[in-house]
Amino acid sequence: MNYQRIPQKETTENGSIKDKYPIVLDNGRTIIFIDDKRKEQEVIARYKNRLNH
């Protein structure tokens, strides 16, 4: 029998920014990486809200 080897998906290690999107905050002093670009505005709002408390 001829079995094709299916390559495994490479796992990302802790701290990896592969396939993540940077969000620059606080005039460039803080950068947060997220994996879902649709949540960018939510992350920005939560960061600003956290600074006000």
Foldseek 3Di string as FASTA:
>chain_A
DDDDDDDDDDDDDPPDLPQWDWDADDPNPDIDTHNDPVCNVVVRVVVVVVVVD
